[in-house]
C-alpha atoms as a PDB file:
ATOM      1  CA  MET A   1       0.000   0.000   0.000  1.00  0.00           C
ATOM      2  CA  SER A   2       2.801   2.453   0.773  1.00  0.00           C
ATOM      3  CA  SER A   3       3.901   2.461  -2.878  1.00  0.00           C
ATOM      4  CA  GLN A   4       0.433   3.783  -3.718  1.00  0.00           C
ATOM      5  CA  GLY A   5       0.355   6.273  -0.852  1.00  0.00           C
ATOM      6  CA  GLY A   6      -2.252   4.297   1.079  1.00  0.00           C
ATOM      7  CA  LYS A   7      -2.396   3.486   4.758  1.00  0.00           C
ATOM      8  CA  VAL A   8      -3.678   0.310   6.376  1.00  0.00           C
ATOM      9  CA  SER A   9      -4.539  -0.526   9.941  1.00  0.00           C
ATOM     10  CA  ILE A  10      -7.075  -2.088  12.260  1.00  0.00           C
ATOM     11  CA  THR A  11      -9.971  -0.215  13.843  1.00  0.00           C
ATOM     12  CA  LEU A  12     -10.871  -0.992  17.444  1.00  0.00           C
ATOM     13  CA  ASN A  13     -13.901  -0.015  19.488  1.00  0.00           C
ATOM     14  CA  ALA A  14     -13.290   1.219  23.027  1.00  0.00           C
ATOM     15  CA  GLU A  15     -15.066   2.784  25.951  1.00  0.00           C
ATOM     16  CA  ALA A  16     -13.286   5.079  28.368  1.00  0.00           C
ATOM     17  CA  ASN A  17     -13.006   3.446  31.769  1.00  0.00           C
ATOM     18  CA  PHE A  18     -13.177   5.446  34.978  1.00  0.00           C
ATOM     19  CA  PRO A  19     -12.596   3.909  38.414  1.00  0.00           C
ATOM     20  CA  ARG A  20     -15.888   4.150  40.313  1.00  0.00           C
ATOM     21  CA  ASN A  21     -13.929   5.224  43.379  1.00  0.00           C
ATOM     22  CA  ALA A  22     -11.036   7.315  42.070  1.00  0.00           C
ATOM     23  CA  SER A  23      -9.105   6.944  45.347  1.00  0.00           C
ATOM     24  CA  SER A  24      -9.409   3.137  45.391  1.00  0.00           C
ATOM     25  CA  LYS A  25      -6.278   1.345  44.148  1.00  0.00           C
ATOM     26  CA  GLU A  26      -8.443  -1.709  43.405  1.00  0.00           C
ATOM     27  CA  ASP A  27     -10.845   0.297  41.229  1.00  0.00           C
ATOM     28  CA  GLN A  28      -7.941   2.036  39.461  1.00  0.00           C
ATOM     29  CA  ALA A  29      -6.412  -1.357  38.670  1.00  0.00           C
ATOM     30  CA  ALA A  30      -9.831  -2.644  37.579  1.00  0.00           C
ATOM     31  CA  ALA A  31     -10.306   0.279  35.162  1.00  0.00           C
ATOM     32  CA  ASP A  32      -6.904  -0.399  33.614  1.00  0.00           C
ATOM     33  CA  ARG A  33      -7.681  -4.125  33.470  1.00  0.00           C
ATOM     34  CA  VAL A  34     -10.791  -3.361  31.397  1.00  0.00           C
ATOM     35  CA  PHE A  35      -8.661  -1.256  29.026  1.00  0.00           C
ATOM     36  CA  GLN A  36      -6.203  -4.159  28.737  1.00  0.00           C
ATOM     37  CA  PHE A  37      -8.901  -6.756  28.072  1.00  0.00           C
ATOM     38  CA  GLN A  38     -11.187  -4.744  25.814  1.00  0.00           C
ATOM     39  CA  LEU A  39      -8.607  -2.749  23.864  1.00  0.00           C
ATOM     40  CA  GLY A  40      -5.183  -4.159  24.707  1.00  0.00           C
ATOM     41  CA  LEU A  41      -6.141  -7.728  23.837  1.00  0.00           C
ATOM     42  CA  PHE A  42      -6.345  -6.645  20.195  1.00  0.00           C
ATOM     43  CA  ALA A  43      -4.039  -3.603  20.178  1.00  0.00           C
ATOM     44  CA  HIS A  44      -1.071  -4.832  22.226  1.00  0.00           C
ATOM     45  CA  PRO A  45       0.162  -7.415  19.690  1.00  0.00           C
ATOM     46  CA  ILE A  46       0.246  -4.700  17.007  1.00  0.00           C
ATOM     47  CA  TYR A  47       1.039  -1.397  18.752  1.00  0.00           C
ATOM     48  CA  SER A  48       3.219  -2.270  21.761  1.00  0.00           C
ATOM     49  CA  LYS A  49       6.999  -2.395  21.619  1.00  0.00           C
ATOM     50  CA  THR A  50       6.968  -5.950  22.997  1.00  0.00           C
ATOM     51  CA  GLY A  51       4.138  -7.417  20.933  1.00  0.00           C
ATOM     52  CA  ASP A  52       2.060 -10.320  22.211  1.00  0.00           C
ATOM     53  CA  TYR A  53      -0.938  -9.976  24.522  1.00  0.00           C
ATOM     54  CA  PRO A  54      -0.891  -7.606  27.509  1.00  0.00           C
ATOM     55  CA  PRO A  55       0.953  -9.329  30.384  1.00  0.00           C
ATOM     56  CA  ILE A  56      -1.985  -8.896  32.804  1.00  0.00           C
ATOM     57  CA  VAL A  57      -4.366 -10.538  30.316  1.00  0.00           C
ATOM     58  CA  ARG A  58      -1.963 -13.441  29.813  1.00  0.00           C
ATOM     59  CA  GLN A  59      -1.504 -13.864  33.582  1.00  0.00           C
ATOM     60  CA  ILE A  60      -5.225 -13.810  34.411  1.00  0.00           C
ATOM     61  CA  VAL A  61      -6.391 -16.082  31.587  1.00  0.00           C
ATOM     62  CA  ASP A  62      -3.554 -18.548  32.216  1.00  0.00           C
ATOM     63  CA  GLN A  63      -4.381 -18.679  35.957  1.00  0.00           C
ATOM     64  CA  ASN A  64      -8.106 -19.062  35.349  1.00  0.00           C
ATOM     65  CA  SER A  65      -7.510 -21.747  32.731  1.00  0.00           C
ATOM     66  CA  ALA A  66      -5.388 -23.715  35.213  1.00  0.00           C
ATOM     67  CA  LYS A  67      -8.107 -23.353  37.903  1.00  0.00           C
ATOM     68  CA  GLU A  68     -10.589 -24.741  35.376  1.00  0.00           C
ATOM     69  CA  GLY A  69      -8.385 -27.826  34.965  1.00  0.00           C
ATOM     70  CA  ARG A  70      -7.513 -27.099  31.350  1.00  0.00           C
ATOM     71  CA  PRO A  71      -4.316 -28.606  29.922  1.00  0.00           C
ATOM     72  CA  ARG A  72      -3.442 -25.219  28.365  1.00  0.00           C
ATOM     73  CA  SER A  73      -4.619 -21.634  28.468  1.00  0.00           C
ATOM     74  CA  ARG A  74      -7.817 -20.493  26.763  1.00  0.00           C
ATOM     75  CA  LEU A  75      -5.682 -17.637  25.387  1.00  0.00           C
ATOM     76  CA  PRO A  76      -3.693 -18.969  22.429  1.00  0.00           C
ATOM     77  CA  ARG A  77       0.054 -18.412  22.309  1.00  0.00           C
ATOM     78  CA  PHE A  78       1.760 -16.554  19.495  1.00  0.00           C
ATOM     79  CA  THR A  79       4.960 -18.011  18.111  1.00  0.00           C
ATOM     80  CA  ALA A  80       8.026 -15.741  18.244  1.00  0.00           C
ATOM     81  CA  GLU A  81       7.660 -15.314  14.486  1.00  0.00           C
ATOM     82  CA  GLU A  82       4.006 -14.258  14.828  1.00  0.00           C
ATOM     83  CA  VAL A  83       4.885 -11.739  17.554  1.00  0.00           C
ATOM     84  CA  GLU A  84       7.470 -10.137  15.274  1.00  0.00           C
ATOM     85  CA  GLN A  85       5.155 -10.205  12.265  1.00  0.00           C
ATOM     86  CA  LEU A  86       2.298  -8.465  14.115  1.00  0.00           C
ATOM     87  CA  LYS A  87       4.375  -5.974  16.110  1.00  0.00           C
ATOM     88  CA  GLY A  88       4.470  -2.607  14.357  1.00  0.00           C
ATOM     89  CA  SER A  89       2.220  -3.739  11.486  1.00  0.00           C
ATOM     90  CA  PHE A  90       0.182  -0.530  11.401  1.00  0.00           C
ATOM     91  CA  ASP A  91       0.099   2.877   9.769  1.00  0.00           C
ATOM     92  CA  PHE A  92      -2.300   4.387  12.324  1.00  0.00           C
ATOM     93  CA  PHE A  93      -4.577   3.478  15.224  1.00  0.00           C
ATOM     94  CA  GLY A  94      -8.210   3.322  14.046  1.00  0.00           C
ATOM     95  CA  LEU A  95     -10.565   4.147  16.918  1.00  0.00           C
ATOM     96  CA  ASN A  96     -14.313   3.941  17.429  1.00  0.00           C
ATOM     97  CA  HIS A  97     -15.499   5.582  20.653  1.00  0.00           C
ATOM     98  CA  TYR A  98     -19.020   6.314  21.828  1.00  0.00           C
ATOM     99  CA  THR A  99     -19.314   6.159  25.602  1.00  0.00           C
ATOM    100  CA  SER A 100     -17.660   5.668  28.975  1.00  0.00           C
ATOM    101  CA  ILE A 101     -18.176   3.402  31.973  1.00  0.00           C
ATOM    102  CA  LEU A 102     -17.448   3.329  35.685  1.00  0.00           C
ATOM    103  CA  VAL A 103     -15.478   0.288  36.814  1.00  0.00           C
ATOM    104  CA  THR A 104     -15.155  -1.325  40.209  1.00  0.00           C
ATOM    105  CA  ASN A 105     -13.080  -4.319  41.209  1.00  0.00           C
ATOM    106  CA  LYS A 106     -15.038  -7.537  41.695  1.00  0.00           C
ATOM    107  CA  ASN A 107     -13.591  -9.989  44.174  1.00  0.00           C
ATOM    108  CA  GLN A 108     -13.920 -13.430  42.652  1.00  0.00           C
ATOM    109  CA  SER A 109     -15.116 -16.060  45.078  1.00  0.00           C
ATOM    110  CA  SER A 110     -13.268 -19.327  45.383  1.00  0.00           C
ATOM    111  CA  GLU A 111     -16.285 -21.024  43.835  1.00  0.00           C
ATOM    112  CA  HIS A 112     -16.187 -22.081  40.215  1.00  0.00           C
ATOM    113  CA  VAL A 113     -16.843 -19.138  37.909  1.00  0.00           C
ATOM    114  CA  LEU A 114     -18.088 -19.717  34.383  1.00  0.00           C
ATOM    115  CA  PRO A 115     -15.146 -19.253  31.984  1.00  0.00           C
ATOM    116  CA  SER A 116     -15.725 -16.083  29.994  1.00  0.00           C
ATOM    117  CA  PHE A 117     -14.139 -12.896  28.745  1.00  0.00           C
ATOM    118  CA  THR A 118     -16.340 -10.961  31.191  1.00  0.00           C
ATOM    119  CA  ASN A 119     -15.487 -13.073  34.236  1.00  0.00           C
ATOM    120  CA  ASP A 120     -11.760 -12.985  33.452  1.00  0.00           C
ATOM    121  CA  GLN A 121     -11.853  -9.194  33.871  1.00  0.00           C
ATOM    122  CA  ALA A 122     -13.224  -9.507  37.439  1.00  0.00           C
ATOM    123  CA  VAL A 123     -15.010  -6.156  37.373  1.00  0.00           C
ATOM    124  CA  ASN A 124     -18.444  -4.647  37.702  1.00  0.00           C
ATOM    125  CA  THR A 125     -19.350  -1.829  35.345  1.00  0.00           C
ATOM    126  CA  SER A 126     -21.971   0.876  35.544  1.00  0.00           C
ATOM    127  CA  ALA A 127     -22.698   4.416  34.434  1.00  0.00           C
ATOM    128  CA  ASP A 128     -22.808   7.553  36.504  1.00  0.00           C
ATOM    129  CA  PRO A 129     -26.494   8.515  36.817  1.00  0.00           C
ATOM    130  CA  LYS A 130     -25.427  12.151  36.307  1.00  0.00           C
ATOM    131  CA  TRP A 131     -24.134  11.396  32.812  1.00  0.00           C
ATOM    132  CA  PRO A 132     -26.723  12.412  30.201  1.00  0.00           C
ATOM    133  CA  SER A 133     -27.952   9.633  27.894  1.00  0.00           C
ATOM    134  CA  GLY A 134     -28.368   9.724  24.174  1.00  0.00           C
ATOM    135  CA  LYS A 135     -31.449   8.282  22.500  1.00  0.00           C
ATOM    136  CA  SER A 136     -29.795   4.902  23.020  1.00  0.00           C
ATOM    137  CA  SER A 137     -29.833   4.298  26.785  1.00  0.00           C
ATOM    138  CA  TRP A 138     -26.316   2.785  26.798  1.00  0.00           C
ATOM    139  CA  LEU A 139     -24.817   5.882  25.172  1.00  0.00           C
ATOM    140  CA  LYS A 140     -23.722   8.219  27.958  1.00  0.00           C
ATOM    141  CA  VAL A 141     -22.383  11.657  27.098  1.00  0.00           C
ATOM    142  CA  VAL A 142     -18.977  11.851  28.788  1.00  0.00           C
ATOM    143  CA  PRO A 143     -16.800  14.208  26.726  1.00  0.00           C
ATOM    144  CA  GLU A 144     -13.793  13.886  29.040  1.00  0.00           C
ATOM    145  CA  GLY A 145     -13.887  10.135  28.412  1.00  0.00           C
ATOM    146  CA  PHE A 146     -12.578  10.647  24.895  1.00  0.00           C
ATOM    147  CA  ARG A 147      -9.516  12.426  26.292  1.00  0.00           C
ATOM    148  CA  VAL A 148      -8.977   9.685  28.904  1.00  0.00           C
ATOM    149  CA  LEU A 149      -9.067   7.069  26.144  1.00  0.00           C
ATOM    150  CA  LEU A 150      -6.709   8.988  23.843  1.00  0.00           C
ATOM    151  CA  ASN A 151      -4.252   9.556  26.697  1.00  0.00           C
ATOM    152  CA  TRP A 152      -4.334   5.835  27.563  1.00  0.00           C
ATOM    153  CA  ILE A 153      -3.505   4.922  23.948  1.00  0.00           C
ATOM    154  CA  LYS A 154      -0.763   7.570  23.848  1.00  0.00           C
ATOM    155  CA  LYS A 155       0.868   6.280  27.042  1.00  0.00           C
ATOM    156  CA  GLU A 156       0.397   2.575  26.373  1.00  0.00           C
ATOM    157  CA  TYR A 157       1.486   2.562  22.721  1.00  0.00           C
ATOM    158  CA  ASP A 158       3.961   5.439  22.419  1.00  0.00           C
ATOM    159  CA  ASN A 159       1.623   7.963  20.798  1.00  0.00           C
ATOM    160  CA  PRO A 160       0.632   6.360  17.471  1.00  0.00           C
ATOM    161  CA  PRO A 161      -1.313   8.492  14.987  1.00  0.00           C
ATOM    162  CA  VAL A 162      -5.003   7.992  15.851  1.00  0.00           C
ATOM    163  CA  TYR A 163      -7.784   8.199  13.270  1.00  0.00           C
ATOM    164  CA  VAL A 164     -11.235   8.409  14.801  1.00  0.00           C
ATOM    165  CA  THR A 165     -13.274   6.212  12.485  1.00  0.00           C
ATOM    166  CA  GLU A 166     -16.559   6.262  14.415  1.00  0.00           C
ATOM    167  CA  ASN A 167     -17.977   8.518  17.093  1.00  0.00           C
ATOM    168  CA  GLY A 168     -21.408   9.870  17.643  1.00  0.00           C
ATOM    169  CA  TYR A 169     -24.436  10.651  19.682  1.00  0.00           C
ATOM    170  CA  SER A 170     -27.937   9.377  19.088  1.00  0.00           C
ATOM    171  CA  ASP A 171     -30.894  11.742  19.369  1.00  0.00           C
ATOM    172  CA  ASP A 172     -34.353  12.192  17.891  1.00  0.00           C
ATOM    173  CA  GLY A 173     -33.002  13.978  14.820  1.00  0.00           C
ATOM    174  CA  GLN A 174     -33.888  17.469  15.965  1.00  0.00           C
ATOM    175  CA  LEU A 175     -31.945  20.396  14.520  1.00  0.00           C
ATOM    176  CA  GLU A 176     -31.221  22.036  17.855  1.00  0.00           C
ATOM    177  CA  ASP A 177     -28.918  19.473  19.428  1.00  0.00           C
ATOM    178  CA  ASP A 178     -26.848  21.291  22.037  1.00  0.00           C
ATOM    179  CA  ILE A 179     -25.975  18.098  23.925  1.00  0.00           C
ATOM    180  CA  ARG A 180     -24.443  16.647  20.751  1.00  0.00           C
ATOM    181  CA  VAL A 181     -22.412  19.832  20.265  1.00  0.00           C
ATOM    182  CA  ASP A 182     -21.274  19.722  23.904  1.00  0.00           C
ATOM    183  CA  SER A 183     -20.272  16.074  23.532  1.00  0.00           C
ATOM    184  CA  TYR A 184     -17.701  17.144  20.916  1.00  0.00           C
ATOM    185  CA  LYS A 185     -16.470  20.388  22.500  1.00  0.00           C
ATOM    186  CA  ILE A 186     -14.369  19.127  25.385  1.00  0.00           C
ATOM    187  CA  PRO A 187     -12.331  16.379  23.677  1.00  0.00           C
ATOM    188  CA  LEU A 188     -11.609  18.571  20.656  1.00  0.00           C
ATOM    189  CA  ARG A 189     -10.658  21.687  22.640  1.00  0.00           C
ATOM    190  CA  PRO A 190      -7.001  22.615  21.950  1.00  0.00           C
ATOM    191  CA  GLY A 191      -4.782  21.744  24.880  1.00  0.00           C
ATOM    192  CA  SER A 192      -7.203  19.212  26.357  1.00  0.00           C
ATOM    193  CA  SER A 193      -5.182  16.494  28.012  1.00  0.00           C
END
């Protein structure tokens, strides 16, 4: 593609994750864990300097797989050749972002937990009732969430060029849509970080 001036990459969908209790170390770790599972699982092999899956994802899935009595992890292993082939194989970071969530750590009981992507994360998620909703009830207007997400990508993956490929706000189609305008103002304000 480069000989034709084109650019190729992957596009990933991500929410911004806020710790429910900002002063709780457990909730802070839980919010980062959600980033690692929901975004890092797909981005880390391509955008990180080390390649492969995020270490925390590997550790958790390997441990849970062993607890489940599996002979090997539910998370496949890349060969060294695959790690090298995937690492750095991008021209930009394609990003879809619509909403944000609050995250709290969920202490897993010693009882058997159904193996799943959700249970591996060991979190509970919710929305702040003060966040306005779009027409779609799941879509919460949290402009600062976009900045949180962009800063996480910048820090985690050494500031790759980011192309926002999807973003939006659902409403009834009215022409006067101040909430939609406000949802774009904060993340696009110069100097927002």
